[in-house]
Amino acid sequence: MSDAQVIEIVSEAFQVAATIAGPILMAALLVGVSVSLLQTITQIQEMTLTFVPKLVAMGLIILFSGQWMIRTMTNWVIGLWSLIPSM
């Protein structure tokens, strides 16, 4: 196994991880900014108010796109396993 192959595998791993985590992180970011803006406007400073909407949004994203996430990860792992004989 050469250095180039290792770098390619690690690069693909980071790309798959970013692709899978991207929707969850974007949902948490958008909900967090919205809740913070709402808290600033209404001057409600409840700490738990930020966690529950983020948790719900992230749960919904996983519920609706979890199958795609698992399929993406599975396809990458199958491709990785198919590279083993050529190493």
PDB file of N, CA and C in Angstrom:
ATOM      1  N   MET A   1       0.856  -1.167   0.000  1.00  0.00           N
ATOM      2  CA  MET A   1       0.000   0.000   0.000  1.00  0.00           C
ATOM      3  C   MET A   1       0.905   1.234   0.000  1.00  0.00           C
ATOM      4  N   SER A   2       0.668   2.097  -0.948  1.00  0.00           N
ATOM      5  CA  SER A   2       1.513   3.279  -1.075  1.00  0.00           C
ATOM      6  C   SER A   2       0.918   4.451  -0.296  1.00  0.00           C
ATOM      7  N   ASP A   3       1.732   5.483  -0.191  1.00  0.00           N
ATOM      8  CA  ASP A   3       1.279   6.683   0.508  1.00  0.00           C
ATOM      9  C   ASP A   3       0.117   7.350  -0.223  1.00  0.00           C
ATOM     10  N   ALA A   4       0.140   7.297  -1.532  1.00  0.00           N
ATOM     11  CA  ALA A   4      -0.929   7.915  -2.318  1.00  0.00           C
ATOM     12  C   ALA A   4      -2.267   7.226  -2.072  1.00  0.00           C
ATOM     13  N   GLN A   5      -2.254   5.911  -1.939  1.00  0.00           N
ATOM     14  CA  GLN A   5      -3.487   5.181  -1.669  1.00  0.00           C
ATOM     15  C   GLN A   5      -4.045   5.543  -0.297  1.00  0.00           C
ATOM     16  N   VAL A   6      -3.168   5.655   0.680  1.00  0.00           N
ATOM     17  CA  VAL A   6      -3.603   6.015   2.035  1.00  0.00           C
ATOM     18  C   VAL A   6      -4.219   7.412   2.031  1.00  0.00           C
ATOM     19  N   ILE A   7      -3.565   8.335   1.362  1.00  0.00           N
ATOM     20  CA  ILE A   7      -4.083   9.709   1.290  1.00  0.00           C
ATOM     21  C   ILE A   7      -5.429   9.741   0.579  1.00  0.00           C
ATOM     22  N   GLU A   8      -5.571   8.956  -0.474  1.00  0.00           N
ATOM     23  CA  GLU A   8      -6.847   8.907  -1.198  1.00  0.00           C
ATOM     24  C   GLU A   8      -7.961   8.331  -0.319  1.00  0.00           C
ATOM     25  N   ILE A   9      -7.671   7.282   0.426  1.00  0.00           N
ATOM     26  CA  ILE A   9      -8.672   6.664   1.298  1.00  0.00           C
ATOM     27  C   ILE A   9      -9.082   7.624   2.406  1.00  0.00           C
ATOM     28  N   VAL A  10      -8.118   8.289   3.008  1.00  0.00           N
ATOM     29  CA  VAL A  10      -8.426   9.247   4.076  1.00  0.00           C
ATOM     30  C   VAL A  10      -9.219  10.430   3.523  1.00  0.00           C
ATOM     31  N   SER A  11      -8.848  10.876   2.333  1.00  0.00           N
ATOM     32  CA  SER A  11      -9.584  11.983   1.705  1.00  0.00           C
ATOM     33  C   SER A  11     -11.038  11.597   1.440  1.00  0.00           C
ATOM     34  N   GLU A  12     -11.247  10.403   0.925  1.00  0.00           N
ATOM     35  CA  GLU A  12     -12.606   9.922   0.693  1.00  0.00           C
ATOM     36  C   GLU A  12     -13.378   9.776   2.001  1.00  0.00           C
ATOM     37  N   ALA A  13     -12.693   9.332   3.049  1.00  0.00           N
ATOM     38  CA  ALA A  13     -13.350   9.181   4.345  1.00  0.00           C
ATOM     39  C   ALA A  13     -13.818  10.536   4.871  1.00  0.00           C
ATOM     40  N   PHE A  14     -12.961  11.553   4.758  1.00  0.00           N
ATOM     41  CA  PHE A  14     -13.369  12.890   5.188  1.00  0.00           C
ATOM     42  C   PHE A  14     -14.515  13.428   4.350  1.00  0.00           C
ATOM     43  N   GLN A  15     -14.494  13.148   3.052  1.00  0.00           N
ATOM     44  CA  GLN A  15     -15.562  13.613   2.172  1.00  0.00           C
ATOM     45  C   GLN A  15     -16.892  12.936   2.515  1.00  0.00           C
ATOM     46  N   VAL A  16     -16.868  11.643   2.765  1.00  0.00           N
ATOM     47  CA  VAL A  16     -18.088  10.923   3.142  1.00  0.00           C
ATOM     48  C   VAL A  16     -18.603  11.420   4.493  1.00  0.00           C
ATOM     49  N   ALA A  17     -17.694  11.629   5.441  1.00  0.00           N
ATOM     50  CA  ALA A  17     -18.093  12.115   6.760  1.00  0.00           C
ATOM     51  C   ALA A  17     -18.726  13.502   6.665  1.00  0.00           C
ATOM     52  N   ALA A  18     -18.148  14.374   5.854  1.00  0.00           N
ATOM     53  CA  ALA A  18     -18.711  15.716   5.686  1.00  0.00           C
ATOM     54  C   ALA A  18     -20.062  15.662   4.984  1.00  0.00           C
ATOM     55  N   THR A  19     -20.197  14.773   4.022  1.00  0.00           N
ATOM     56  CA  THR A  19     -21.463  14.636   3.304  1.00  0.00           C
ATOM     57  C   THR A  19     -22.564  14.141   4.230  1.00  0.00           C
ATOM     58  N   ILE A  20     -22.232  13.206   5.092  1.00  0.00           N
ATOM     59  CA  ILE A  20     -23.227  12.651   6.007  1.00  0.00           C
ATOM     60  C   ILE A  20     -23.560  13.629   7.135  1.00  0.00           C
ATOM     61  N   ALA A  21     -22.557  14.284   7.677  1.00  0.00           N
ATOM     62  CA  ALA A  21     -22.780  15.181   8.815  1.00  0.00           C
ATOM     63  C   ALA A  21     -23.304  16.550   8.400  1.00  0.00           C
ATOM     64  N   GLY A  22     -23.141  16.913   7.136  1.00  0.00           N
ATOM     65  CA  GLY A  22     -23.536  18.236   6.667  1.00  0.00           C
ATOM     66  C   GLY A  22     -24.987  18.615   6.932  1.00  0.00           C
ATOM     67  N   PRO A  23     -25.952  17.795   6.534  1.00  0.00           N
ATOM     68  CA  PRO A  23     -27.355  18.166   6.776  1.00  0.00           C
ATOM     69  C   PRO A  23     -27.698  18.312   8.260  1.00  0.00           C
ATOM     70  N   ILE A  24     -27.135  17.458   9.087  1.00  0.00           N
ATOM     71  CA  ILE A  24     -27.416  17.532  10.526  1.00  0.00           C
ATOM     72  C   ILE A  24     -26.839  18.817  11.108  1.00  0.00           C
ATOM     73  N   LEU A  25     -25.604  19.127  10.734  1.00  0.00           N
ATOM     74  CA  LEU A  25     -24.969  20.337  11.248  1.00  0.00           C
ATOM     75  C   LEU A  25     -25.641  21.606  10.742  1.00  0.00           C
ATOM     76  N   MET A  26     -26.075  21.593   9.486  1.00  0.00           N
ATOM     77  CA  MET A  26     -26.773  22.778   8.946  1.00  0.00           C
ATOM     78  C   MET A  26     -28.108  22.991   9.647  1.00  0.00           C
ATOM     79  N   ALA A  27     -28.824  21.919   9.924  1.00  0.00           N
ATOM     80  CA  ALA A  27     -30.094  22.049  10.640  1.00  0.00           C
ATOM     81  C   ALA A  27     -29.867  22.594  12.045  1.00  0.00           C
ATOM     82  N   ALA A  28     -28.852  22.090  12.728  1.00  0.00           N
ATOM     83  CA  ALA A  28     -28.545  22.583  14.069  1.00  0.00           C
ATOM     84  C   ALA A  28     -28.128  24.045  14.031  1.00  0.00           C
ATOM     85  N   LEU A  29     -27.369  24.430  13.012  1.00  0.00           N
ATOM     86  CA  LEU A  29     -26.939  25.811  12.880  1.00  0.00           C
ATOM     87  C   LEU A  29     -28.121  26.737  12.632  1.00  0.00           C
ATOM     88  N   LEU A  30     -28.985  26.368  11.708  1.00  0.00           N
ATOM     89  CA  LEU A  30     -30.126  27.226  11.387  1.00  0.00           C
ATOM     90  C   LEU A  30     -31.101  27.353  12.557  1.00  0.00           C
ATOM     91  N   VAL A  31     -31.373  26.254  13.220  1.00  0.00           N
ATOM     92  CA  VAL A  31     -32.274  26.296  14.376  1.00  0.00           C
ATOM     93  C   VAL A  31     -31.634  27.076  15.513  1.00  0.00           C
ATOM     94  N   GLY A  32     -30.345  26.889  15.725  1.00  0.00           N
ATOM     95  CA  GLY A  32     -29.659  27.606  16.787  1.00  0.00           C
ATOM     96  C   GLY A  32     -29.662  29.109  16.572  1.00  0.00           C
ATOM     97  N   VAL A  33     -29.400  29.537  15.348  1.00  0.00           N
ATOM     98  CA  VAL A  33     -29.429  30.974  15.045  1.00  0.00           C
ATOM     99  C   VAL A  33     -30.837  31.521  15.192  1.00  0.00           C
ATOM    100  N   SER A  34     -31.829  30.762  14.730  1.00  0.00           N
ATOM    101  CA  SER A  34     -33.221  31.225  14.841  1.00  0.00           C
ATOM    102  C   SER A  34     -33.646  31.356  16.303  1.00  0.00           C
ATOM    103  N   VAL A  35     -33.322  30.378  17.111  1.00  0.00           N
ATOM    104  CA  VAL A  35     -33.687  30.422  18.529  1.00  0.00           C
ATOM    105  C   VAL A  35     -32.938  31.549  19.241  1.00  0.00           C
ATOM    106  N   SER A  36     -31.668  31.739  18.897  1.00  0.00           N
ATOM    107  CA  SER A  36     -30.905  32.833  19.503  1.00  0.00           C
ATOM    108  C   SER A  36     -31.476  34.184  19.133  1.00  0.00           C
ATOM    109  N   LEU A  37     -31.897  34.323  17.888  1.00  0.00           N
ATOM    110  CA  LEU A  37     -32.534  35.571  17.452  1.00  0.00           C
ATOM    111  C   LEU A  37     -33.851  35.782  18.187  1.00  0.00           C
ATOM    112  N   LEU A  38     -34.633  34.733  18.340  1.00  0.00           N
ATOM    113  CA  LEU A  38     -35.884  34.819  19.087  1.00  0.00           C
ATOM    114  C   LEU A  38     -35.631  35.177  20.546  1.00  0.00           C
ATOM    115  N   GLN A  39     -34.608  34.583  21.144  1.00  0.00           N
ATOM    116  CA  GLN A  39     -34.278  34.900  22.534  1.00  0.00           C
ATOM    117  C   GLN A  39     -33.812  36.344  22.670  1.00  0.00           C
ATOM    118  N   THR A  40     -33.092  36.837  21.694  1.00  0.00           N
ATOM    119  CA  THR A  40     -32.627  38.222  21.742  1.00  0.00           C
ATOM    120  C   THR A  40     -33.789  39.192  21.607  1.00  0.00           C
ATOM    121  N   ILE A  41     -34.703  38.877  20.721  1.00  0.00           N
ATOM    122  CA  ILE A  41     -35.843  39.776  20.502  1.00  0.00           C
ATOM    123  C   ILE A  41     -36.764  39.793  21.713  1.00  0.00           C
ATOM    124  N   THR A  42     -37.053  38.620  22.273  1.00  0.00           N
ATOM    125  CA  THR A  42     -38.002  38.544  23.388  1.00  0.00           C
ATOM    126  C   THR A  42     -37.335  38.656  24.755  1.00  0.00           C
ATOM    127  N   GLN A  43     -36.017  38.655  24.798  1.00  0.00           N
ATOM    128  CA  GLN A  43     -35.229  38.734  26.028  1.00  0.00           C
ATOM    129  C   GLN A  43     -35.527  37.581  26.990  1.00  0.00           C
ATOM    130  N   ILE A  44     -35.839  36.436  26.424  1.00  0.00           N
ATOM    131  CA  ILE A  44     -36.000  35.213  27.222  1.00  0.00           C
ATOM    132  C   ILE A  44     -34.644  34.530  27.254  1.00  0.00           C
ATOM    133  N   GLN A  45     -34.082  34.348  28.417  1.00  0.00           N
ATOM    134  CA  GLN A  45     -32.750  33.768  28.534  1.00  0.00           C
ATOM    135  C   GLN A  45     -32.810  32.387  29.194  1.00  0.00           C
ATOM    136  N   GLU A  46     -33.606  31.525  28.658  1.00  0.00           N
ATOM    137  CA  GLU A  46     -33.723  30.153  29.163  1.00  0.00           C
ATOM    138  C   GLU A  46     -32.716  29.272  28.425  1.00  0.00           C
ATOM    139  N   MET A  47     -31.832  28.618  29.164  1.00  0.00           N
ATOM    140  CA  MET A  47     -30.771  27.823  28.556  1.00  0.00           C
ATOM    141  C   MET A  47     -31.304  26.565  27.850  1.00  0.00           C
ATOM    142  N   THR A  48     -32.346  25.963  28.393  1.00  0.00           N
ATOM    143  CA  THR A  48     -32.857  24.730  27.790  1.00  0.00           C
ATOM    144  C   THR A  48     -33.625  24.995  26.508  1.00  0.00           C
ATOM    145  N   LEU A  49     -34.005  26.233  26.271  1.00  0.00           N
ATOM    146  CA  LEU A  49     -34.758  26.571  25.069  1.00  0.00           C
ATOM    147  C   LEU A  49     -33.925  26.351  23.807  1.00  0.00           C
ATOM    148  N   THR A  50     -32.622  26.413  23.907  1.00  0.00           N
ATOM    149  CA  THR A  50     -31.785  26.218  22.722  1.00  0.00           C
ATOM    150  C   THR A  50     -31.598  24.749  22.375  1.00  0.00           C
ATOM    151  N   PHE A  51     -31.632  23.864  23.372  1.00  0.00           N
ATOM    152  CA  PHE A  51     -31.317  22.463  23.120  1.00  0.00           C
ATOM    153  C   PHE A  51     -32.484  21.675  22.539  1.00  0.00           C
ATOM    154  N   VAL A  52     -33.681  21.910  23.020  1.00  0.00           N
ATOM    155  CA  VAL A  52     -34.828  21.109  22.588  1.00  0.00           C
ATOM    156  C   VAL A  52     -35.142  21.304  21.101  1.00  0.00           C
ATOM    157  N   PRO A  53     -35.224  22.527  20.575  1.00  0.00           N
ATOM    158  CA  PRO A  53     -35.472  22.656  19.126  1.00  0.00           C
ATOM    159  C   PRO A  53     -34.353  22.069  18.270  1.00  0.00           C
ATOM    160  N   LYS A  54     -33.100  22.213  18.708  1.00  0.00           N
ATOM    161  CA  LYS A  54     -31.999  21.613  17.956  1.00  0.00           C
ATOM    162  C   LYS A  54     -32.121  20.101  17.937  1.00  0.00           C
ATOM    163  N   LEU A  55     -32.453  19.535  19.075  1.00  0.00           N
ATOM    164  CA  LEU A  55     -32.597  18.084  19.179  1.00  0.00           C
ATOM    165  C   LEU A  55     -33.722  17.580  18.286  1.00  0.00           C
ATOM    166  N   VAL A  56     -34.835  18.303  18.272  1.00  0.00           N
ATOM    167  CA  VAL A  56     -35.972  17.921  17.421  1.00  0.00           C
ATOM    168  C   VAL A  56     -35.591  18.028  15.945  1.00  0.00           C
ATOM    169  N   ALA A  57     -34.942  19.129  15.563  1.00  0.00           N
ATOM    170  CA  ALA A  57     -34.555  19.319  14.164  1.00  0.00           C
ATOM    171  C   ALA A  57     -33.566  18.247  13.713  1.00  0.00           C
ATOM    172  N   MET A  58     -32.587  17.955  14.546  1.00  0.00           N
ATOM    173  CA  MET A  58     -31.622  16.932  14.188  1.00  0.00           C
ATOM    174  C   MET A  58     -32.271  15.555  14.116  1.00  0.00           C
ATOM    175  N   GLY A  59     -33.206  15.279  15.004  1.00  0.00           N
ATOM    176  CA  GLY A  59     -33.936  14.014  14.956  1.00  0.00           C
ATOM    177  C   GLY A  59     -34.753  13.881  13.681  1.00  0.00           C
ATOM    178  N   LEU A  60     -35.387  14.975  13.265  1.00  0.00           N
ATOM    179  CA  LEU A  60     -36.162  14.943  12.020  1.00  0.00           C
ATOM    180  C   LEU A  60     -35.268  14.741  10.801  1.00  0.00           C
ATOM    181  N   ILE A  61     -34.122  15.385  10.800  1.00  0.00           N
ATOM    182  CA  ILE A  61     -33.191  15.203   9.683  1.00  0.00           C
ATOM    183  C   ILE A  61     -32.732  13.747   9.617  1.00  0.00           C
ATOM    184  N   ILE A  62     -32.402  13.166  10.753  1.00  0.00           N
ATOM    185  CA  ILE A  62     -31.978  11.765  10.772  1.00  0.00           C
ATOM    186  C   ILE A  62     -33.131  10.847  10.371  1.00  0.00           C
ATOM    187  N   LEU A  63     -34.349  11.183  10.801  1.00  0.00           N
ATOM    188  CA  LEU A  63     -35.505  10.366  10.453  1.00  0.00           C
ATOM    189  C   LEU A  63     -35.750  10.362   8.946  1.00  0.00           C
ATOM    190  N   PHE A  64     -35.651  11.540   8.328  1.00  0.00           N
ATOM    191  CA  PHE A  64     -35.970  11.635   6.903  1.00  0.00           C
ATOM    192  C   PHE A  64     -34.804  11.282   5.988  1.00  0.00           C
ATOM    193  N   SER A  65     -33.573  11.511   6.428  1.00  0.00           N
ATOM    194  CA  SER A  65     -32.447  11.228   5.535  1.00  0.00           C
ATOM    195  C   SER A  65     -31.512  10.149   6.087  1.00  0.00           C
ATOM    196  N   GLY A  66     -31.925   9.466   7.123  1.00  0.00           N
ATOM    197  CA  GLY A  66     -31.087   8.423   7.708  1.00  0.00           C
ATOM    198  C   GLY A  66     -30.820   7.278   6.764  1.00  0.00           C
ATOM    199  N   GLN A  67     -31.809   6.935   5.970  1.00  0.00           N
ATOM    200  CA  GLN A  67     -31.633   5.840   5.018  1.00  0.00           C
ATOM    201  C   GLN A  67     -30.577   6.208   3.971  1.00  0.00           C
ATOM    202  N   TRP A  68     -30.615   7.458   3.504  1.00  0.00           N
ATOM    203  CA  TRP A  68     -29.609   7.929   2.552  1.00  0.00           C
ATOM    204  C   TRP A  68     -28.219   7.938   3.189  1.00  0.00           C
ATOM    205  N   MET A  69     -28.142   8.347   4.456  1.00  0.00           N
ATOM    206  CA  MET A  69     -26.856   8.381   5.153  1.00  0.00           C
ATOM    207  C   MET A  69     -26.267   6.985   5.285  1.00  0.00           C
ATOM    208  N   ILE A  70     -27.097   6.033   5.658  1.00  0.00           N
ATOM    209  CA  ILE A  70     -26.626   4.653   5.804  1.00  0.00           C
ATOM    210  C   ILE A  70     -26.207   4.084   4.452  1.00  0.00           C
ATOM    211  N   ARG A  71     -26.979   4.385   3.407  1.00  0.00           N
ATOM    212  CA  ARG A  71     -26.649   3.897   2.072  1.00  0.00           C
ATOM    213  C   ARG A  71     -25.315   4.483   1.599  1.00  0.00           C
ATOM    214  N   THR A  72     -25.097   5.776   1.858  1.00  0.00           N
ATOM    215  CA  THR A  72     -23.843   6.414   1.464  1.00  0.00           C
ATOM    216  C   THR A  72     -22.662   5.787   2.182  1.00  0.00           C
ATOM    217  N   MET A  73     -22.795   5.582   3.469  1.00  0.00           N
ATOM    218  CA  MET A  73     -21.717   4.976   4.245  1.00  0.00           C
ATOM    219  C   MET A  73     -21.479   3.529   3.821  1.00  0.00           C
ATOM    220  N   THR A  74     -22.539   2.790   3.571  1.00  0.00           N
ATOM    221  CA  THR A  74     -22.409   1.397   3.151  1.00  0.00           C
ATOM    222  C   THR A  74     -21.712   1.291   1.800  1.00  0.00           C
ATOM    223  N   ASN A  75     -22.088   2.158   0.853  1.00  0.00           N
ATOM    224  CA  ASN A  75     -21.444   2.139  -0.459  1.00  0.00           C
ATOM    225  C   ASN A  75     -19.952   2.445  -0.346  1.00  0.00           C
ATOM    226  N   TRP A  76     -19.590   3.381   0.528  1.00  0.00           N
ATOM    227  CA  TRP A  76     -18.177   3.707   0.698  1.00  0.00           C
ATOM    228  C   TRP A  76     -17.416   2.529   1.312  1.00  0.00           C
ATOM    229  N   VAL A  77     -18.004   1.895   2.302  1.00  0.00           N
ATOM    230  CA  VAL A  77     -17.334   0.758   2.950  1.00  0.00           C
ATOM    231  C   VAL A  77     -17.208  -0.417   1.986  1.00  0.00           C
ATOM    232  N   ILE A  78     -18.238  -0.656   1.179  1.00  0.00           N
ATOM    233  CA  ILE A  78     -18.147  -1.735   0.180  1.00  0.00           C
ATOM    234  C   ILE A  78     -17.032  -1.445  -0.813  1.00  0.00           C
ATOM    235  N   GLY A  79     -16.936  -0.182  -1.241  1.00  0.00           N
ATOM    236  CA  GLY A  79     -15.838   0.194  -2.136  1.00  0.00           C
ATOM    237  C   GLY A  79     -14.481   0.029  -1.476  1.00  0.00           C
ATOM    238  N   LEU A  80     -14.411   0.348  -0.187  1.00  0.00           N
ATOM    239  CA  LEU A  80     -13.159   0.186   0.547  1.00  0.00           C
ATOM    240  C   LEU A  80     -12.780  -1.285   0.659  1.00  0.00           C
ATOM    241  N   TRP A  81     -13.744  -2.144   0.934  1.00  0.00           N
ATOM    242  CA  TRP A  81     -13.473  -3.577   1.035  1.00  0.00           C
ATOM    243  C   TRP A  81     -13.075  -4.160  -0.315  1.00  0.00           C
ATOM    244  N   SER A  82     -13.626  -3.604  -1.389  1.00  0.00           N
ATOM    245  CA  SER A  82     -13.252  -4.120  -2.714  1.00  0.00           C
ATOM    246  C   SER A  82     -11.832  -3.723  -3.106  1.00  0.00           C
ATOM    247  N   LEU A  83     -11.243  -2.744  -2.438  1.00  0.00           N
ATOM    248  CA  LEU A  83      -9.872  -2.347  -2.707  1.00  0.00           C
ATOM    249  C   LEU A  83      -8.845  -3.269  -2.021  1.00  0.00           C
ATOM    250  N   ILE A  84      -9.268  -4.065  -1.077  1.00  0.00           N
ATOM    251  CA  ILE A  84      -8.335  -4.890  -0.308  1.00  0.00           C
ATOM    252  C   ILE A  84      -7.518  -5.834  -1.191  1.00  0.00           C
ATOM    253  N   PRO A  85      -8.106  -6.533  -2.166  1.00  0.00           N
ATOM    254  CA  PRO A  85      -7.262  -7.434  -2.990  1.00  0.00           C
ATOM    255  C   PRO A  85      -6.182  -6.694  -3.790  1.00  0.00           C
ATOM    256  N   SER A  86      -6.413  -5.447  -4.149  1.00  0.00           N
ATOM    257  CA  SER A  86      -5.419  -4.729  -4.944  1.00  0.00           C
ATOM    258  C   SER A  86      -4.315  -4.110  -4.096  1.00  0.00           C
ATOM    259  N   MET A  87      -4.455  -4.211  -2.780  1.00  0.00           N
ATOM    260  CA  MET A  87      -3.420  -3.651  -1.901  1.00  0.00           C
ATOM    261  C   MET A  87      -2.365  -4.679  -1.750  1.00  0.00           C
TER     262      MET A  87
END
